[in-house]
Amino acid sequence: LASPVQLDIIDRLRALGISNFVALPQLAVVGDQSSGKSSVLESFSELPFPRDSGLCTRFATQIIFRRASTSSVKVSIIPGPARSRQEVERLR
């Protein structure tokens, strides 16, 4: 398993856009509507994901795991570059 230092380096490289040029470790879960994507994410993360038709996961979801003595969860929406300034402020 990767050390916390290695995982932090990978996260910093990904934030700089290096993943456009170099393959960095990642896992993608894709599928049609109601095909079990939320169930797969739950099995890896041990966190509940929405399952109601009005609450389904409609955004790309990034999960970053770190070993720690305490558990914590941080949730945020990162607006895409095509979003208007008003939408960006509303989503943040």
Protein backbone atom coordinates (compact mmCIF):
# COMPACT_ATOMS: atom_id res chain seq x y z
CA LEU A 1 0.00 0.00 0.00
CA ALA A 2 1.12 3.54 -0.68
CA SER A 3 2.39 5.63 2.19
CA PRO A 4 0.61 8.86 3.22
CA VAL A 5 3.53 10.83 1.77
CA GLN A 6 3.16 9.09 -1.61
CA LEU A 7 -0.61 9.67 -1.62
CA ASP A 8 -0.13 13.37 -0.84
CA ILE A 9 2.35 13.67 -3.72
CA ILE A 10 -0.12 12.00 -6.10
CA ASP A 11 -2.87 14.43 -4.97
CA ARG A 12 -0.61 17.46 -5.52
CA LEU A 13 0.41 16.21 -8.99
CA ARG A 14 -3.23 15.62 -9.92
CA ALA A 15 -4.14 19.16 -8.74
CA LEU A 16 -1.44 20.55 -11.04
CA GLY A 17 -2.95 18.72 -14.03
CA ILE A 18 -0.07 16.25 -14.41
CA SER A 19 -2.62 13.45 -14.84
CA ASN A 20 -3.23 14.82 -18.36
CA PHE A 21 0.30 13.69 -19.26
CA VAL A 22 1.18 10.91 -16.82
CA ALA A 23 -1.05 8.05 -15.72
CA LEU A 24 -1.73 8.45 -11.99
CA PRO A 25 -3.51 5.77 -9.95
CA GLN A 26 -7.28 6.12 -10.00
CA LEU A 27 -10.49 4.13 -10.14
CA ALA A 28 -13.53 5.14 -12.19
CA VAL A 29 -17.06 3.82 -11.64
CA VAL A 30 -19.31 4.30 -14.69
CA GLY A 31 -22.61 2.85 -15.84
CA ASP A 32 -26.17 3.47 -16.91
CA GLN A 33 -28.81 4.87 -14.58
CA SER A 34 -29.65 2.45 -11.75
CA SER A 35 -26.79 0.13 -12.68
CA GLY A 36 -25.27 0.03 -9.17
CA LYS A 37 -22.64 2.79 -9.24
CA SER A 38 -23.67 4.05 -5.79
CA SER A 39 -23.46 0.51 -4.42
CA VAL A 40 -19.91 0.14 -5.76
CA LEU A 41 -18.89 3.48 -4.21
CA GLU A 42 -20.47 2.44 -0.91
CA SER A 43 -18.59 -0.86 -0.91
CA PHE A 44 -15.24 0.93 -1.30
CA SER A 45 -15.87 3.92 0.93
CA GLU A 46 -18.19 2.40 3.56
CA LEU A 47 -20.18 5.66 3.28
CA PRO A 48 -23.85 5.86 2.24
CA PHE A 49 -24.65 7.33 -1.17
CA PRO A 50 -28.08 8.63 -2.29
CA ARG A 51 -30.35 6.10 -4.00
CA ASP A 52 -33.63 8.01 -4.51
CA SER A 53 -34.41 8.95 -8.12
CA GLY A 54 -34.39 12.66 -7.21
CA LEU A 55 -31.19 12.42 -5.18
CA CYS A 56 -28.98 10.18 -7.28
CA THR A 57 -25.31 10.99 -7.81
CA ARG A 58 -25.32 13.33 -10.81
CA PHE A 59 -21.87 14.80 -10.41
CA ALA A 60 -18.41 13.35 -10.68
CA THR A 61 -17.44 12.19 -7.20
CA GLN A 62 -13.86 12.16 -5.95
CA ILE A 63 -13.08 10.10 -2.86
CA ILE A 64 -9.68 10.53 -1.20
CA PHE A 65 -8.74 7.99 1.46
CA ARG A 66 -6.17 8.58 4.20
CA ARG A 67 -5.30 6.45 7.21
CA ALA A 68 -5.87 8.42 10.40
CA SER A 69 -6.60 7.85 14.07
CA THR A 70 -9.93 9.68 13.70
CA SER A 71 -12.55 9.55 10.95
CA SER A 72 -13.69 12.66 9.11
CA VAL A 73 -15.65 13.49 6.00
CA LYS A 74 -15.37 16.65 3.88
CA VAL A 75 -17.94 17.24 1.14
CA SER A 76 -17.66 20.00 -1.46
CA ILE A 77 -18.79 20.81 -4.98
CA ILE A 78 -16.11 22.04 -7.37
CA PRO A 79 -17.83 23.96 -10.18
CA GLY A 80 -16.60 23.35 -13.72
CA PRO A 81 -15.06 26.09 -15.87
CA ALA A 82 -18.27 26.54 -17.89
CA ARG A 83 -20.27 27.61 -14.79
CA SER A 84 -21.21 31.28 -14.45
CA ARG A 85 -19.82 33.34 -11.57
CA GLN A 86 -23.29 33.27 -9.93
CA GLU A 87 -23.48 29.47 -10.16
CA VAL A 88 -19.97 29.15 -8.76
CA GLU A 89 -20.90 31.26 -5.72
CA ARG A 90 -24.16 29.36 -5.20
CA LEU A 91 -22.46 25.96 -5.37
CA ARG A 92 -19.70 26.95 -2.97
